[in-house]
Amino acid sequence: MENIALQTMGLKGETEPAPVRRVHLLWGVILAVTAVSISAAQAVDVRNRDRMPHEITINHSDGKSETIKIGAGQNIANICSDCVVLAGTTSVEAKGNATVKIERGEVSIDGKR
């Protein structure tokens, strides 16, 4: 009895037919795109509704912290997936697909995305 892998081996020494490899590749691409879209969908945005720029501090869940300037009326997408945003004397914890708004120099969670 001969080895089945040797019986199905093509000219290039491959054990799977080309259509099967294409299906595996297609599923790999679909899974990768789905993972990227899920992670992008779960990101916090910041919206400055004031007519003046503000400096905000973002404390990420991994312990890193950064300070950024957000212009008047500006939106910044995907600043984090789980963080605390500080502006002036206020702070708010944001995660998932929340939008943090800045109004009158204070931060809060905006119900509209």
C-alpha atoms as a PDB file:
ATOM      1  CA  MET A   1       0.000   0.000   0.000  1.00  0.00           C
ATOM      2  CA  GLU A   2       1.396   3.407  -0.968  1.00  0.00           C
ATOM      3  CA  ASN A   3       1.343   6.599   1.067  1.00  0.00           C
ATOM      4  CA  ILE A   4      -1.769   8.690   0.251  1.00  0.00           C
ATOM      5  CA  ALA A   5       0.238  11.928   0.402  1.00  0.00           C
ATOM      6  CA  LEU A   6       2.515  10.594  -2.317  1.00  0.00           C
ATOM      7  CA  GLN A   7      -0.481   9.679  -4.463  1.00  0.00           C
ATOM      8  CA  THR A   8      -1.971  13.180  -4.285  1.00  0.00           C
ATOM      9  CA  MET A   9       1.323  15.011  -4.725  1.00  0.00           C
ATOM     10  CA  GLY A  10       1.290  17.430  -7.631  1.00  0.00           C
ATOM     11  CA  LEU A  11       4.138  18.439  -9.896  1.00  0.00           C
ATOM     12  CA  LYS A  12       5.520  20.968  -7.399  1.00  0.00           C
ATOM     13  CA  GLY A  13       5.629  18.532  -4.474  1.00  0.00           C
ATOM     14  CA  GLU A  14       2.508  19.974  -2.850  1.00  0.00           C
ATOM     15  CA  THR A  15       0.133  17.696  -0.959  1.00  0.00           C
ATOM     16  CA  GLU A  16      -3.020  19.846  -1.319  1.00  0.00           C
ATOM     17  CA  PRO A  17      -4.644  20.749  -4.615  1.00  0.00           C
ATOM     18  CA  ALA A  18      -4.509  24.426  -5.610  1.00  0.00           C
ATOM     19  CA  PRO A  19      -8.255  25.058  -5.057  1.00  0.00           C
ATOM     20  CA  VAL A  20      -7.960  23.853  -1.449  1.00  0.00           C
ATOM     21  CA  ARG A  21      -4.988  26.162  -0.810  1.00  0.00           C
ATOM     22  CA  ARG A  22      -6.960  29.075  -2.292  1.00  0.00           C
ATOM     23  CA  VAL A  23      -9.913  28.378   0.023  1.00  0.00           C
ATOM     24  CA  HIS A  24      -7.566  28.257   3.045  1.00  0.00           C
ATOM     25  CA  LEU A  25      -5.993  31.548   1.970  1.00  0.00           C
ATOM     26  CA  LEU A  26      -9.416  33.136   1.466  1.00  0.00           C
ATOM     27  CA  TRP A  27     -10.549  32.089   4.959  1.00  0.00           C
ATOM     28  CA  GLY A  28      -7.316  33.458   6.420  1.00  0.00           C
ATOM     29  CA  VAL A  29      -7.898  36.810   4.738  1.00  0.00           C
ATOM     30  CA  ILE A  30     -11.541  36.916   5.885  1.00  0.00           C
ATOM     31  CA  LEU A  31     -10.549  36.196   9.496  1.00  0.00           C
ATOM     32  CA  ALA A  32      -7.785  38.824   9.432  1.00  0.00           C
ATOM     33  CA  VAL A  33     -10.097  41.508   8.032  1.00  0.00           C
ATOM     34  CA  THR A  34     -12.775  40.633  10.585  1.00  0.00           C
ATOM     35  CA  ALA A  35     -10.289  40.895  13.458  1.00  0.00           C
ATOM     36  CA  VAL A  36      -9.087  44.297  12.249  1.00  0.00           C
ATOM     37  CA  SER A  37     -12.610  45.640  11.804  1.00  0.00           C
ATOM     38  CA  ILE A  38     -13.670  44.441  15.255  1.00  0.00           C
ATOM     39  CA  SER A  39     -10.681  46.087  16.920  1.00  0.00           C
ATOM     40  CA  ALA A  40     -11.225  49.329  15.005  1.00  0.00           C
ATOM     41  CA  ALA A  41     -14.912  49.365  15.915  1.00  0.00           C
ATOM     42  CA  GLN A  42     -13.996  49.260  19.606  1.00  0.00           C
ATOM     43  CA  ALA A  43     -12.071  52.521  19.809  1.00  0.00           C
ATOM     44  CA  VAL A  44     -12.707  55.712  21.756  1.00  0.00           C
ATOM     45  CA  ASP A  45     -13.079  59.012  19.872  1.00  0.00           C
ATOM     46  CA  VAL A  46     -12.671  62.552  21.251  1.00  0.00           C
ATOM     47  CA  ARG A  47     -14.782  65.480  20.021  1.00  0.00           C
ATOM     48  CA  ASN A  48     -13.972  69.085  21.003  1.00  0.00           C
ATOM     49  CA  ARG A  49     -17.231  71.045  20.865  1.00  0.00           C
ATOM     50  CA  ASP A  50     -15.642  74.239  22.188  1.00  0.00           C
ATOM     51  CA  ARG A  51     -14.512  77.187  20.094  1.00  0.00           C
ATOM     52  CA  MET A  52     -11.028  77.000  21.564  1.00  0.00           C
ATOM     53  CA  PRO A  53      -8.337  74.326  21.563  1.00  0.00           C
ATOM     54  CA  HIS A  54      -7.738  72.191  24.646  1.00  0.00           C
ATOM     55  CA  GLU A  55      -4.930  70.056  25.947  1.00  0.00           C
ATOM     56  CA  ILE A  56      -6.076  66.636  27.139  1.00  0.00           C
ATOM     57  CA  THR A  57      -4.245  63.826  28.881  1.00  0.00           C
ATOM     58  CA  ILE A  58      -4.968  60.229  27.971  1.00  0.00           C
ATOM     59  CA  ASN A  59      -4.075  57.573  30.546  1.00  0.00           C
ATOM     60  CA  HIS A  60      -4.101  54.230  28.717  1.00  0.00           C
ATOM     61  CA  SER A  61      -5.028  50.973  30.442  1.00  0.00           C
ATOM     62  CA  ASP A  62      -1.476  49.672  29.926  1.00  0.00           C
ATOM     63  CA  GLY A  63      -0.074  52.457  32.149  1.00  0.00           C
ATOM     64  CA  LYS A  64       1.117  54.757  29.375  1.00  0.00           C
ATOM     65  CA  SER A  65       0.102  58.404  29.405  1.00  0.00           C
ATOM     66  CA  GLU A  66       0.133  61.043  26.682  1.00  0.00           C
ATOM     67  CA  THR A  67      -0.886  64.669  26.395  1.00  0.00           C
ATOM     68  CA  ILE A  68      -2.323  65.922  23.115  1.00  0.00           C
ATOM     69  CA  LYS A  69      -3.764  69.190  21.868  1.00  0.00           C
ATOM     70  CA  ILE A  70      -7.168  69.060  20.201  1.00  0.00           C
ATOM     71  CA  GLY A  71      -8.222  72.033  18.132  1.00  0.00           C
ATOM     72  CA  ALA A  72     -11.518  73.880  18.284  1.00  0.00           C
ATOM     73  CA  GLY A  73     -14.262  71.765  16.733  1.00  0.00           C
ATOM     74  CA  GLN A  74     -11.800  68.963  15.987  1.00  0.00           C
ATOM     75  CA  ASN A  75     -12.503  65.235  16.255  1.00  0.00           C
ATOM     76  CA  ILE A  76      -9.813  62.647  16.963  1.00  0.00           C
ATOM     77  CA  ALA A  77     -10.700  59.039  16.195  1.00  0.00           C
ATOM     78  CA  ASN A  78      -9.366  55.896  17.823  1.00  0.00           C
ATOM     79  CA  ILE A  79      -7.375  57.385  20.674  1.00  0.00           C
ATOM     80  CA  CYS A  80      -7.665  54.220  22.792  1.00  0.00           C
ATOM     81  CA  SER A  81      -9.812  51.177  23.492  1.00  0.00           C
ATOM     82  CA  ASP A  82      -9.807  51.590  27.295  1.00  0.00           C
ATOM     83  CA  CYS A  83      -8.491  54.776  28.923  1.00  0.00           C
ATOM     84  CA  VAL A  84      -9.115  57.746  31.189  1.00  0.00           C
ATOM     85  CA  VAL A  85      -9.328  61.145  29.472  1.00  0.00           C
ATOM     86  CA  LEU A  86      -8.545  64.263  31.514  1.00  0.00           C
ATOM     87  CA  ALA A  87      -9.167  67.910  30.642  1.00  0.00           C
ATOM     88  CA  GLY A  88      -8.909  70.757  33.122  1.00  0.00           C
ATOM     89  CA  THR A  89     -10.280  69.493  36.431  1.00  0.00           C
ATOM     90  CA  THR A  90     -12.513  66.772  34.965  1.00  0.00           C
ATOM     91  CA  SER A  91     -11.849  63.206  33.898  1.00  0.00           C
ATOM     92  CA  VAL A  92     -13.866  60.404  32.378  1.00  0.00           C
ATOM     93  CA  GLU A  93     -13.243  56.690  31.911  1.00  0.00           C
ATOM     94  CA  ALA A  94     -13.945  55.598  28.345  1.00  0.00           C
ATOM     95  CA  LYS A  95     -13.866  52.216  26.659  1.00  0.00           C
ATOM     96  CA  GLY A  96     -15.283  50.394  23.688  1.00  0.00           C
ATOM     97  CA  ASN A  97     -16.904  52.621  21.095  1.00  0.00           C
ATOM     98  CA  ALA A  98     -17.527  55.613  23.378  1.00  0.00           C
ATOM     99  CA  THR A  99     -17.101  59.213  22.272  1.00  0.00           C
ATOM    100  CA  VAL A 100     -15.635  61.656  24.770  1.00  0.00           C
ATOM    101  CA  LYS A 101     -16.848  65.224  24.295  1.00  0.00           C
ATOM    102  CA  ILE A 102     -15.248  68.425  25.515  1.00  0.00           C
ATOM    103  CA  GLU A 103     -17.677  71.240  26.327  1.00  0.00           C
ATOM    104  CA  ARG A 104     -16.797  74.350  28.335  1.00  0.00           C
ATOM    105  CA  GLY A 105     -13.404  72.761  29.034  1.00  0.00           C
ATOM    106  CA  GLU A 106     -14.885  69.676  30.703  1.00  0.00           C
ATOM    107  CA  VAL A 107     -14.905  66.100  29.445  1.00  0.00           C
ATOM    108  CA  SER A 108     -17.884  63.739  29.496  1.00  0.00           C
ATOM    109  CA  ILE A 109     -19.173  60.753  27.536  1.00  0.00           C
ATOM    110  CA  ASP A 110     -21.232  61.749  24.491  1.00  0.00           C
ATOM    111  CA  GLY A 111     -24.242  59.537  23.815  1.00  0.00           C
ATOM    112  CA  LYS A 112     -23.982  60.081  20.041  1.00  0.00           C
ATOM    113  CA  ARG A 113     -21.375  58.374  17.867  1.00  0.00           C
END
